[in-house]
PDB file of N, CA and C in Angstrom:
ATOM      1  N   MET A   1      73.422   4.675  15.417  1.00  0.00           N
ATOM      2  CA  MET A   1      72.683   5.134  16.561  1.00  0.00           C
ATOM      3  C   MET A   1      72.444   6.637  16.408  1.00  0.00           C
ATOM      4  N   LYS A   2      71.307   7.119  16.886  1.00  0.00           N
ATOM      5  CA  LYS A   2      70.978   8.542  16.838  1.00  0.00           C
ATOM      6  C   LYS A   2      71.092   9.153  18.230  1.00  0.00           C
ATOM      7  N   PHE A   3      71.814  10.279  18.290  1.00  0.00           N
ATOM      8  CA  PHE A   3      71.970  11.014  19.537  1.00  0.00           C
ATOM      9  C   PHE A   3      71.298  12.378  19.420  1.00  0.00           C
ATOM     10  N   ALA A   4      70.595  12.765  20.465  1.00  0.00           N
ATOM     11  CA  ALA A   4      70.111  14.134  20.618  1.00  0.00           C
ATOM     12  C   ALA A   4      70.911  14.735  21.757  1.00  0.00           C
ATOM     13  N   VAL A   5      71.645  15.803  21.466  1.00  0.00           N
ATOM     14  CA  VAL A   5      72.452  16.480  22.480  1.00  0.00           C
ATOM     15  C   VAL A   5      71.773  17.813  22.766  1.00  0.00           C
ATOM     16  N   ILE A   6      71.327  17.983  23.996  1.00  0.00           N
ATOM     17  CA  ILE A   6      70.620  19.194  24.385  1.00  0.00           C
ATOM     18  C   ILE A   6      71.552  20.019  25.266  1.00  0.00           C
ATOM     19  N   VAL A   7      71.805  21.258  24.834  1.00  0.00           N
ATOM     20  CA  VAL A   7      72.697  22.155  25.567  1.00  0.00           C
ATOM     21  C   VAL A   7      71.855  23.266  26.179  1.00  0.00           C
ATOM     22  N   CYS A   8      71.857  23.326  27.507  1.00  0.00           N
ATOM     23  CA  CYS A   8      71.066  24.322  28.253  1.00  0.00           C
ATOM     24  C   CYS A   8      71.961  25.275  29.042  1.00  0.00           C
ATOM     25  N   SER A   9      73.237  25.292  28.733  1.00  0.00           N
ATOM     26  CA  SER A   9      74.194  26.082  29.504  1.00  0.00           C
ATOM     27  C   SER A   9      74.877  27.102  28.609  1.00  0.00           C
ATOM     28  N   ASN A  10      75.290  28.208  29.218  1.00  0.00           N
ATOM     29  CA  ASN A  10      76.128  29.169  28.509  1.00  0.00           C
ATOM     30  C   ASN A  10      77.521  29.225  29.137  1.00  0.00           C
ATOM     31  N   ASP A  11      77.864  28.200  29.904  1.00  0.00           N
ATOM     32  CA  ASP A  11      79.199  28.081  30.465  1.00  0.00           C
ATOM     33  C   ASP A  11      80.140  27.606  29.355  1.00  0.00           C
ATOM     34  N   PRO A  12      81.209  28.357  29.053  1.00  0.00           N
ATOM     35  CA  PRO A  12      82.074  27.997  27.926  1.00  0.00           C
ATOM     36  C   PRO A  12      82.599  26.566  27.959  1.00  0.00           C
ATOM     37  N   GLU A  13      83.080  26.097  29.107  1.00  0.00           N
ATOM     38  CA  GLU A  13      83.633  24.744  29.170  1.00  0.00           C
ATOM     39  C   GLU A  13      82.548  23.693  28.935  1.00  0.00           C
ATOM     40  N   THR A  14      81.361  23.919  29.463  1.00  0.00           N
ATOM     41  CA  THR A  14      80.262  22.971  29.287  1.00  0.00           C
ATOM     42  C   THR A  14      79.844  22.889  27.821  1.00  0.00           C
ATOM     43  N   VAL A  15      79.694  24.029  27.171  1.00  0.00           N
ATOM     44  CA  VAL A  15      79.311  24.052  25.747  1.00  0.00           C
ATOM     45  C   VAL A  15      80.391  23.396  24.906  1.00  0.00           C
ATOM     46  N   TRP A  16      81.641  23.714  25.197  1.00  0.00           N
ATOM     47  CA  TRP A  16      82.773  23.142  24.477  1.00  0.00           C
ATOM     48  C   TRP A  16      82.772  21.618  24.601  1.00  0.00           C
ATOM     49  N   ASN A  17      82.547  21.115  25.820  1.00  0.00           N
ATOM     50  CA  ASN A  17      82.502  19.663  26.017  1.00  0.00           C
ATOM     51  C   ASN A  17      81.310  19.026  25.319  1.00  0.00           C
ATOM     52  N   ALA A  18      80.184  19.699  25.300  1.00  0.00           N
ATOM     53  CA  ALA A  18      79.015  19.174  24.586  1.00  0.00           C
ATOM     54  C   ALA A  18      79.327  19.014  23.095  1.00  0.00           C
ATOM     55  N   LEU A  19      79.970  20.009  22.512  1.00  0.00           N
ATOM     56  CA  LEU A  19      80.312  19.930  21.089  1.00  0.00           C
ATOM     57  C   LEU A  19      81.417  18.928  20.826  1.00  0.00           C
ATOM     58  N   ARG A  20      82.347  18.787  21.753  1.00  0.00           N
ATOM     59  CA  ARG A  20      83.373  17.748  21.614  1.00  0.00           C
ATOM     60  C   ARG A  20      82.737  16.361  21.626  1.00  0.00           C
ATOM     61  N   PHE A  21      81.765  16.167  22.525  1.00  0.00           N
ATOM     62  CA  PHE A  21      81.052  14.894  22.560  1.00  0.00           C
ATOM     63  C   PHE A  21      80.299  14.665  21.246  1.00  0.00           C
ATOM     64  N   ALA A  22      79.628  15.699  20.764  1.00  0.00           N
ATOM     65  CA  ALA A  22      78.895  15.587  19.500  1.00  0.00           C
ATOM     66  C   ALA A  22      79.844  15.225  18.359  1.00  0.00           C
ATOM     67  N   ASN A  23      81.030  15.834  18.338  1.00  0.00           N
ATOM     68  CA  ASN A  23      82.016  15.515  17.308  1.00  0.00           C
ATOM     69  C   ASN A  23      82.497  14.076  17.415  1.00  0.00           C
ATOM     70  N   ALA A  24      82.816  13.651  18.620  1.00  0.00           N
ATOM     71  CA  ALA A  24      83.297  12.281  18.808  1.00  0.00           C
ATOM     72  C   ALA A  24      82.240  11.270  18.385  1.00  0.00           C
ATOM     73  N   SER A  25      80.999  11.546  18.712  1.00  0.00           N
ATOM     74  CA  SER A  25      79.905  10.643  18.339  1.00  0.00           C
ATOM     75  C   SER A  25      79.691  10.625  16.834  1.00  0.00           C
ATOM     76  N   SER A  26      79.784  11.786  16.222  1.00  0.00           N
ATOM     77  CA  SER A  26      79.589  11.893  14.776  1.00  0.00           C
ATOM     78  C   SER A  26      80.694  11.164  14.015  1.00  0.00           C
ATOM     79  N   VAL A  27      81.939  11.334  14.457  1.00  0.00           N
ATOM     80  CA  VAL A  27      83.076  10.676  13.807  1.00  0.00           C
ATOM     81  C   VAL A  27      82.941   9.159  13.887  1.00  0.00           C
ATOM     82  N   CYS A  28      82.300   8.658  14.946  1.00  0.00           N
ATOM     83  CA  CYS A  28      82.096   7.216  15.110  1.00  0.00           C
ATOM     84  C   CYS A  28      80.923   6.700  14.289  1.00  0.00           C
ATOM     85  N   GLY A  29      80.344   7.547  13.441  1.00  0.00           N
ATOM     86  CA  GLY A  29      79.291   7.104  12.538  1.00  0.00           C
ATOM     87  C   GLY A  29      77.879   7.258  13.057  1.00  0.00           C
ATOM     88  N   ASN A  30      77.706   7.948  14.156  1.00  0.00           N
ATOM     89  CA  ASN A  30      76.361   8.157  14.706  1.00  0.00           C
ATOM     90  C   ASN A  30      75.733   9.422  14.136  1.00  0.00           C
ATOM     91  N   GLY A  31      74.414   9.427  14.049  1.00  0.00           N
ATOM     92  CA  GLY A  31      73.691  10.634  13.686  1.00  0.00           C
ATOM     93  C   GLY A  31      73.520  11.486  14.930  1.00  0.00           C
ATOM     94  N   VAL A  32      73.918  12.743  14.850  1.00  0.00           N
ATOM     95  CA  VAL A  32      73.887  13.608  16.031  1.00  0.00           C
ATOM     96  C   VAL A  32      73.231  14.935  15.674  1.00  0.00           C
ATOM     97  N   THR A  33      72.289  15.349  16.494  1.00  0.00           N
ATOM     98  CA  THR A  33      71.699  16.680  16.389  1.00  0.00           C
ATOM     99  C   THR A  33      71.881  17.374  17.729  1.00  0.00           C
ATOM    100  N   VAL A  34      72.359  18.611  17.676  1.00  0.00           N
ATOM    101  CA  VAL A  34      72.526  19.424  18.878  1.00  0.00           C
ATOM    102  C   VAL A  34      71.390  20.437  18.904  1.00  0.00           C
ATOM    103  N   PHE A  35      70.697  20.504  20.034  1.00  0.00           N
ATOM    104  CA  PHE A  35      69.613  21.470  20.213  1.00  0.00           C
ATOM    105  C   PHE A  35      70.001  22.407  21.342  1.00  0.00           C
ATOM    106  N   LEU A  36      70.067  23.700  21.040  1.00  0.00           N
ATOM    107  CA  LEU A  36      70.428  24.727  22.019  1.00  0.00           C
ATOM    108  C   LEU A  36      69.156  25.286  22.623  1.00  0.00           C
ATOM    109  N   LEU A  37      69.037  25.168  23.930  1.00  0.00           N
ATOM    110  CA  LEU A  37      67.808  25.523  24.637  1.00  0.00           C
ATOM    111  C   LEU A  37      68.129  26.434  25.810  1.00  0.00           C
ATOM    112  N   GLY A  38      67.267  27.394  26.099  1.00  0.00           N
ATOM    113  CA  GLY A  38      67.498  28.296  27.226  1.00  0.00           C
ATOM    114  C   GLY A  38      68.807  29.037  27.052  1.00  0.00           C
ATOM    115  N   LYS A  39      69.631  29.044  28.104  1.00  0.00           N
ATOM    116  CA  LYS A  39      70.924  29.721  28.042  1.00  0.00           C
ATOM    117  C   LYS A  39      71.827  29.136  26.957  1.00  0.00           C
ATOM    118  N   GLY A  40      71.522  27.928  26.525  1.00  0.00           N
ATOM    119  CA  GLY A  40      72.318  27.280  25.484  1.00  0.00           C
ATOM    120  C   GLY A  40      72.329  28.031  24.163  1.00  0.00           C
ATOM    121  N   VAL A  41      71.303  28.850  23.896  1.00  0.00           N
ATOM    122  CA  VAL A  41      71.299  29.600  22.631  1.00  0.00           C
ATOM    123  C   VAL A  41      72.401  30.659  22.604  1.00  0.00           C
ATOM    124  N   GLU A  42      73.008  30.936  23.742  1.00  0.00           N
ATOM    125  CA  GLU A  42      74.122  31.882  23.812  1.00  0.00           C
ATOM    126  C   GLU A  42      75.458  31.199  23.512  1.00  0.00           C
ATOM    127  N   ALA A  43      75.421  29.928  23.171  1.00  0.00           N
ATOM    128  CA  ALA A  43      76.617  29.095  23.042  1.00  0.00           C
ATOM    129  C   ALA A  43      77.696  29.686  22.144  1.00  0.00           C
ATOM    130  N   MET A  44      77.350  30.198  20.999  1.00  0.00           N
ATOM    131  CA  MET A  44      78.360  30.663  20.052  1.00  0.00           C
ATOM    132  C   MET A  44      78.980  32.000  20.448  1.00  0.00           C
ATOM    133  N   SER A  45      78.409  32.660  21.438  1.00  0.00           N
ATOM    134  CA  SER A  45      78.944  33.958  21.848  1.00  0.00           C
ATOM    135  C   SER A  45      79.738  33.883  23.152  1.00  0.00           C
ATOM    136  N   VAL A  46      79.903  32.686  23.718  1.00  0.00           N
ATOM    137  CA  VAL A  46      80.602  32.570  25.001  1.00  0.00           C
ATOM    138  C   VAL A  46      81.972  31.904  24.891  1.00  0.00           C
ATOM    139  N   GLY A  47      82.407  31.607  23.688  1.00  0.00           N
ATOM    140  CA  GLY A  47      83.691  30.942  23.510  1.00  0.00           C
ATOM    141  C   GLY A  47      84.851  31.785  24.023  1.00  0.00           C
ATOM    142  N   THR A  48      85.920  31.111  24.393  1.00  0.00           N
ATOM    143  CA  THR A  48      87.137  31.766  24.864  1.00  0.00           C
ATOM    144  C   THR A  48      88.310  31.176  24.098  1.00  0.00           C
ATOM    145  N   PHE A  49      89.488  31.730  24.313  1.00  0.00           N
ATOM    146  CA  PHE A  49      90.689  31.182  23.680  1.00  0.00           C
ATOM    147  C   PHE A  49      90.887  29.729  24.103  1.00  0.00           C
ATOM    148  N   LYS A  50      90.669  29.448  25.370  1.00  0.00           N
ATOM    149  CA  LYS A  50      90.848  28.091  25.892  1.00  0.00           C
ATOM    150  C   LYS A  50      89.751  27.141  25.410  1.00  0.00           C
ATOM    151  N   TYR A  51      88.516  27.648  25.321  1.00  0.00           N
ATOM    152  CA  TYR A  51      87.374  26.827  24.915  1.00  0.00           C
ATOM    153  C   TYR A  51      86.822  27.377  23.598  1.00  0.00           C
ATOM    154  N   ASP A  52      87.433  26.936  22.496  1.00  0.00           N
ATOM    155  CA  ASP A  52      87.085  27.447  21.170  1.00  0.00           C
ATOM    156  C   ASP A  52      85.817  26.757  20.659  1.00  0.00           C
ATOM    157  N   ILE A  53      84.701  27.338  21.009  1.00  0.00           N
ATOM    158  CA  ILE A  53      83.393  26.774  20.670  1.00  0.00           C
ATOM    159  C   ILE A  53      83.133  26.855  19.170  1.00  0.00           C
ATOM    160  N   GLN A  54      83.521  27.956  18.551  1.00  0.00           N
ATOM    161  CA  GLN A  54      83.312  28.107  17.109  1.00  0.00           C
ATOM    162  C   GLN A  54      84.041  27.005  16.332  1.00  0.00           C
ATOM    163  N   GLU A  55      85.259  26.683  16.756  1.00  0.00           N
ATOM    164  CA  GLU A  55      86.027  25.631  16.096  1.00  0.00           C
ATOM    165  C   GLU A  55      85.316  24.283  16.206  1.00  0.00           C
ATOM    166  N   GLN A  56      84.841  23.952  17.413  1.00  0.00           N
ATOM    167  CA  GLN A  56      84.135  22.685  17.609  1.00  0.00           C
ATOM    168  C   GLN A  56      82.843  22.636  16.799  1.00  0.00           C
ATOM    169  N   ALA A  57      82.116  23.753  16.761  1.00  0.00           N
ATOM    170  CA  ALA A  57      80.864  23.809  15.995  1.00  0.00           C
ATOM    171  C   ALA A  57      81.134  23.619  14.506  1.00  0.00           C
ATOM    172  N   GLU A  58      82.197  24.234  14.002  1.00  0.00           N
ATOM    173  CA  GLU A  58      82.522  24.104  12.578  1.00  0.00           C
ATOM    174  C   GLU A  58      82.923  22.671  12.242  1.00  0.00           C
ATOM    175  N   LEU A  59      83.720  22.046  13.100  1.00  0.00           N
ATOM    176  CA  LEU A  59      84.082  20.634  12.885  1.00  0.00           C
ATOM    177  C   LEU A  59      82.832  19.760  12.858  1.00  0.00           C
ATOM    178  N   PHE A  60      81.917  20.033  13.773  1.00  0.00           N
ATOM    179  CA  PHE A  60      80.669  19.267  13.845  1.00  0.00           C
ATOM    180  C   PHE A  60      79.873  19.415  12.550  1.00  0.00           C
ATOM    181  N   ARG A  61      79.753  20.623  12.076  1.00  0.00           N
ATOM    182  CA  ARG A  61      79.018  20.863  10.819  1.00  0.00           C
ATOM    183  C   ARG A  61      79.703  20.183   9.641  1.00  0.00           C
ATOM    184  N   GLN A  62      81.034  20.215   9.610  1.00  0.00           N
ATOM    185  CA  GLN A  62      81.785  19.584   8.521  1.00  0.00           C
ATOM    186  C   GLN A  62      81.551  18.083   8.456  1.00  0.00           C
ATOM    187  N   HIS A  63      81.263  17.474   9.601  1.00  0.00           N
ATOM    188  CA  HIS A  63      80.985  16.037   9.642  1.00  0.00           C
ATOM    189  C   HIS A  63      79.493  15.738   9.471  1.00  0.00           C
ATOM    190  N   GLY A  64      78.734  16.724   9.040  1.00  0.00           N
ATOM    191  CA  GLY A  64      77.315  16.515   8.775  1.00  0.00           C
ATOM    192  C   GLY A  64      76.411  16.705   9.969  1.00  0.00           C
ATOM    193  N   GLY A  65      76.948  17.215  11.069  1.00  0.00           N
ATOM    194  CA  GLY A  65      76.135  17.442  12.256  1.00  0.00           C
ATOM    195  C   GLY A  65      75.172  18.602  12.080  1.00  0.00           C
ATOM    196  N   VAL A  66      74.066  18.533  12.772  1.00  0.00           N
ATOM    197  CA  VAL A  66      73.032  19.566  12.701  1.00  0.00           C
ATOM    198  C   VAL A  66      72.908  20.248  14.060  1.00  0.00           C
ATOM    199  N   ILE A  67      72.880  21.580  14.022  1.00  0.00           N
ATOM    200  CA  ILE A  67      72.665  22.370  15.228  1.00  0.00           C
ATOM    201  C   ILE A  67      71.386  23.174  15.038  1.00  0.00           C
ATOM    202  N   LEU A  68      70.500  23.082  16.027  1.00  0.00           N
ATOM    203  CA  LEU A  68      69.270  23.879  16.036  1.00  0.00           C
ATOM    204  C   LEU A  68      69.244  24.721  17.302  1.00  0.00           C
ATOM    205  N   GLY A  69      68.769  25.938  17.179  1.00  0.00           N
ATOM    206  CA  GLY A  69      68.583  26.812  18.331  1.00  0.00           C
ATOM    207  C   GLY A  69      67.105  27.013  18.579  1.00  0.00           C
ATOM    208  N   CYS A  70      66.709  27.117  19.825  1.00  0.00           N
ATOM    209  CA  CYS A  70      65.309  27.360  20.166  1.00  0.00           C
ATOM    210  C   CYS A  70      64.936  28.781  19.741  1.00  0.00           C
ATOM    211  N   GLY A  71      63.991  28.888  18.828  1.00  0.00           N
ATOM    212  CA  GLY A  71      63.565  30.191  18.332  1.00  0.00           C
ATOM    213  C   GLY A  71      62.992  31.082  19.412  1.00  0.00           C
ATOM    214  N   VAL A  72      62.178  30.525  20.303  1.00  0.00           N
ATOM    215  CA  VAL A  72      61.574  31.313  21.380  1.00  0.00           C
ATOM    216  C   VAL A  72      62.660  31.806  22.342  1.00  0.00           C
ATOM    217  N   CYS A  73      63.640  30.958  22.649  1.00  0.00           N
ATOM    218  CA  CYS A  73      64.726  31.358  23.551  1.00  0.00           C
ATOM    219  C   CYS A  73      65.545  32.495  22.938  1.00  0.00           C
ATOM    220  N   CYS A  74      65.765  32.446  21.629  1.00  0.00           N
ATOM    221  CA  CYS A  74      66.470  33.540  20.949  1.00  0.00           C
ATOM    222  C   CYS A  74      65.632  34.808  20.987  1.00  0.00           C
ATOM    223  N   GLU A  75      64.350  34.669  20.714  1.00  0.00           N
ATOM    224  CA  GLU A  75      63.455  35.827  20.724  1.00  0.00           C
ATOM    225  C   GLU A  75      63.430  36.484  22.099  1.00  0.00           C
ATOM    226  N   ASN A  76      63.453  35.697  23.152  1.00  0.00           N
ATOM    227  CA  ASN A  76      63.443  36.236  24.518  1.00  0.00           C
ATOM    228  C   ASN A  76      64.690  37.053  24.827  1.00  0.00           C
ATOM    229  N   ARG A  77      65.755  36.881  24.063  1.00  0.00           N
ATOM    230  CA  ARG A  77      67.010  37.588  24.292  1.00  0.00           C
ATOM    231  C   ARG A  77      67.244  38.708  23.280  1.00  0.00           C
ATOM    232  N   ARG A  78      66.257  38.986  22.446  1.00  0.00           N
ATOM    233  CA  ARG A  78      66.435  39.942  21.346  1.00  0.00           C
ATOM    234  C   ARG A  78      66.909  41.317  21.816  1.00  0.00           C
ATOM    235  N   GLU A  79      66.358  41.834  22.902  1.00  0.00           N
ATOM    236  CA  GLU A  79      66.735  43.176  23.353  1.00  0.00           C
ATOM    237  C   GLU A  79      68.201  43.255  23.780  1.00  0.00           C
ATOM    238  N   GLU A  80      68.640  42.304  24.590  1.00  0.00           N
ATOM    239  CA  GLU A  80      70.023  42.359  25.078  1.00  0.00           C
ATOM    240  C   GLU A  80      71.024  41.718  24.119  1.00  0.00           C
ATOM    241  N   MET A  81      70.555  40.878  23.200  1.00  0.00           N
ATOM    242  CA  MET A  81      71.443  40.209  22.244  1.00  0.00           C
ATOM    243  C   MET A  81      70.809  40.259  20.853  1.00  0.00           C
ATOM    244  N   PRO A  82      70.764  41.429  20.222  1.00  0.00           N
ATOM    245  CA  PRO A  82      70.023  41.577  18.957  1.00  0.00           C
ATOM    246  C   PRO A  82      70.582  40.753  17.792  1.00  0.00           C
ATOM    247  N   PHE A  83      71.842  40.355  17.846  1.00  0.00           N
ATOM    248  CA  PHE A  83      72.440  39.619  16.734  1.00  0.00           C
ATOM    249  C   PHE A  83      72.601  38.132  17.024  1.00  0.00           C
ATOM    250  N   LEU A  84      71.925  37.664  18.045  1.00  0.00           N
ATOM    251  CA  LEU A  84      72.089  36.283  18.500  1.00  0.00           C
ATOM    252  C   LEU A  84      71.801  35.265  17.402  1.00  0.00           C
ATOM    253  N   GLN A  85      70.689  35.384  16.704  1.00  0.00           N
ATOM    254  CA  GLN A  85      70.352  34.392  15.680  1.00  0.00           C
ATOM    255  C   GLN A  85      71.400  34.357  14.577  1.00  0.00           C
ATOM    256  N   ARG A  86      71.929  35.501  14.204  1.00  0.00           N
ATOM    257  CA  ARG A  86      72.968  35.547  13.161  1.00  0.00           C
ATOM    258  C   ARG A  86      74.253  34.897  13.674  1.00  0.00           C
ATOM    259  N   GLU A  87      74.613  35.160  14.933  1.00  0.00           N
ATOM    260  CA  GLU A  87      75.824  34.580  15.520  1.00  0.00           C
ATOM    261  C   GLU A  87      75.734  33.060  15.633  1.00  0.00           C
ATOM    262  N   LEU A  88      74.541  32.549  15.886  1.00  0.00           N
ATOM    263  CA  LEU A  88      74.377  31.102  16.029  1.00  0.00           C
ATOM    264  C   LEU A  88      74.672  30.365  14.729  1.00  0.00           C
ATOM    265  N   ARG A  89      74.346  30.959  13.614  1.00  0.00           N
ATOM    266  CA  ARG A  89      74.539  30.347  12.289  1.00  0.00           C
ATOM    267  C   ARG A  89      73.945  28.938  12.238  1.00  0.00           C
ATOM    268  N   CYS A  90      72.711  28.834  12.711  1.00  0.00           N
ATOM    269  CA  CYS A  90      72.037  27.537  12.668  1.00  0.00           C
ATOM    270  C   CYS A  90      70.550  27.760  12.467  1.00  0.00           C
ATOM    271  N   GLY A  91      69.854  26.676  12.179  1.00  0.00           N
ATOM    272  CA  GLY A  91      68.413  26.755  12.033  1.00  0.00           C
ATOM    273  C   GLY A  91      67.737  26.983  13.371  1.00  0.00           C
ATOM    274  N   MET A  92      66.548  27.534  13.307  1.00  0.00           N
ATOM    275  CA  MET A  92      65.762  27.747  14.520  1.00  0.00           C
ATOM    276  C   MET A  92      64.764  26.612  14.648  1.00  0.00           C
ATOM    277  N   GLY A  93      64.589  26.141  15.861  1.00  0.00           N
ATOM    278  CA  GLY A  93      63.678  25.043  16.131  1.00  0.00           C
ATOM    279  C   GLY A  93      62.639  25.441  17.159  1.00  0.00           C
ATOM    280  N   SER A  94      61.733  24.533  17.398  1.00  0.00           N
ATOM    281  CA  SER A  94      60.635  24.755  18.341  1.00  0.00           C
ATOM    282  C   SER A  94      60.582  23.582  19.319  1.00  0.00           C
ATOM    283  N   MET A  95      59.667  23.678  20.271  1.00  0.00           N
ATOM    284  CA  MET A  95      59.472  22.558  21.198  1.00  0.00           C
ATOM    285  C   MET A  95      59.003  21.312  20.438  1.00  0.00           C
ATOM    286  N   GLN A  96      58.247  21.505  19.384  1.00  0.00           N
ATOM    287  CA  GLN A  96      57.823  20.359  18.578  1.00  0.00           C
ATOM    288  C   GLN A  96      59.025  19.700  17.908  1.00  0.00           C
ATOM    289  N   ASP A  97      59.974  20.524  17.445  1.00  0.00           N
ATOM    290  CA  ASP A  97      61.193  19.965  16.858  1.00  0.00           C
ATOM    291  C   ASP A  97      62.005  19.208  17.906  1.00  0.00           C
ATOM    292  N   LEU A  98      62.121  19.790  19.091  1.00  0.00           N
ATOM    293  CA  LEU A  98      62.846  19.120  20.173  1.00  0.00           C
ATOM    294  C   LEU A  98      62.163  17.808  20.534  1.00  0.00           C
ATOM    295  N   TYR A  99      60.841  17.831  20.618  1.00  0.00           N
ATOM    296  CA  TYR A  99      60.097  16.595  20.894  1.00  0.00           C
ATOM    297  C   TYR A  99      60.420  15.532  19.844  1.00  0.00           C
ATOM    298  N   GLY A 100      60.409  15.922  18.580  1.00  0.00           N
ATOM    299  CA  GLY A 100      60.709  14.973  17.507  1.00  0.00           C
ATOM    300  C   GLY A 100      62.111  14.400  17.623  1.00  0.00           C
ATOM    301  N   LEU A 101      63.081  15.248  17.943  1.00  0.00           N
ATOM    302  CA  LEU A 101      64.456  14.767  18.110  1.00  0.00           C
ATOM    303  C   LEU A 101      64.556  13.748  19.233  1.00  0.00           C
ATOM    304  N   VAL A 102      63.925  14.068  20.367  1.00  0.00           N
ATOM    305  CA  VAL A 102      63.977  13.180  21.526  1.00  0.00           C
ATOM    306  C   VAL A 102      63.247  11.871  21.231  1.00  0.00           C
ATOM    307  N   ALA A 103      62.099  11.968  20.571  1.00  0.00           N
ATOM    308  CA  ALA A 103      61.316  10.767  20.261  1.00  0.00           C
ATOM    309  C   ALA A 103      62.065   9.828  19.312  1.00  0.00           C
ATOM    310  N   GLU A 104      62.838  10.394  18.384  1.00  0.00           N
ATOM    311  CA  GLU A 104      63.551   9.580  17.399  1.00  0.00           C
ATOM    312  C   GLU A 104      64.929   9.124  17.869  1.00  0.00           C
ATOM    313  N   ALA A 105      65.461   9.768  18.897  1.00  0.00           N
ATOM    314  CA  ALA A 105      66.828   9.476  19.336  1.00  0.00           C
ATOM    315  C   ALA A 105      66.904   8.146  20.084  1.00  0.00           C
ATOM    316  N   ASP A 106      68.023   7.483  19.898  1.00  0.00           N
ATOM    317  CA  ASP A 106      68.306   6.296  20.705  1.00  0.00           C
ATOM    318  C   ASP A 106      68.830   6.700  22.071  1.00  0.00           C
ATOM    319  N   LYS A 107      69.549   7.816  22.107  1.00  0.00           N
ATOM    320  CA  LYS A 107      70.111   8.326  23.362  1.00  0.00           C
ATOM    321  C   LYS A 107      69.935   9.843  23.392  1.00  0.00           C
ATOM    322  N   VAL A 108      69.612  10.375  24.558  1.00  0.00           N
ATOM    323  CA  VAL A 108      69.511  11.815  24.764  1.00  0.00           C
ATOM    324  C   VAL A 108      70.534  12.196  25.835  1.00  0.00           C
ATOM    325  N   ILE A 109      71.379  13.167  25.497  1.00  0.00           N
ATOM    326  CA  ILE A 109      72.407  13.625  26.409  1.00  0.00           C
ATOM    327  C   ILE A 109      72.191  15.112  26.646  1.00  0.00           C
ATOM    328  N   THR A 110      72.226  15.534  27.899  1.00  0.00           N
ATOM    329  CA  THR A 110      72.040  16.953  28.203  1.00  0.00           C
ATOM    330  C   THR A 110      73.283  17.531  28.846  1.00  0.00           C
ATOM    331  N   PHE A 111      73.560  18.751  28.495  1.00  0.00           N
ATOM    332  CA  PHE A 111      74.687  19.503  29.047  1.00  0.00           C
ATOM    333  C   PHE A 111      74.168  20.825  29.559  1.00  0.00           C
TER     334      PHE A 111
END
């Protein structure tokens, strides 16, 4: 089964849970792509000791998971977050990419 996980939040617990879900789905043999949209592109910079987002993201990548960040959303934050794209350590996507993910997915989950 293919999952598209869309993260639109920069709340540490929400992002952490989204990545935990992506990991659990991936370990069960599903294809999972995470798309960071809006405030979600801040995901890698909001982690805390309690909600280790970087750890969850690395586990997800190790299991073959793909993370894409919205390029326009990153660009909109360039002035206040100049290193955002580097911190994300993921490919940049577009609305067309998001459309393709949603169209191909069996399930779409939003956080």
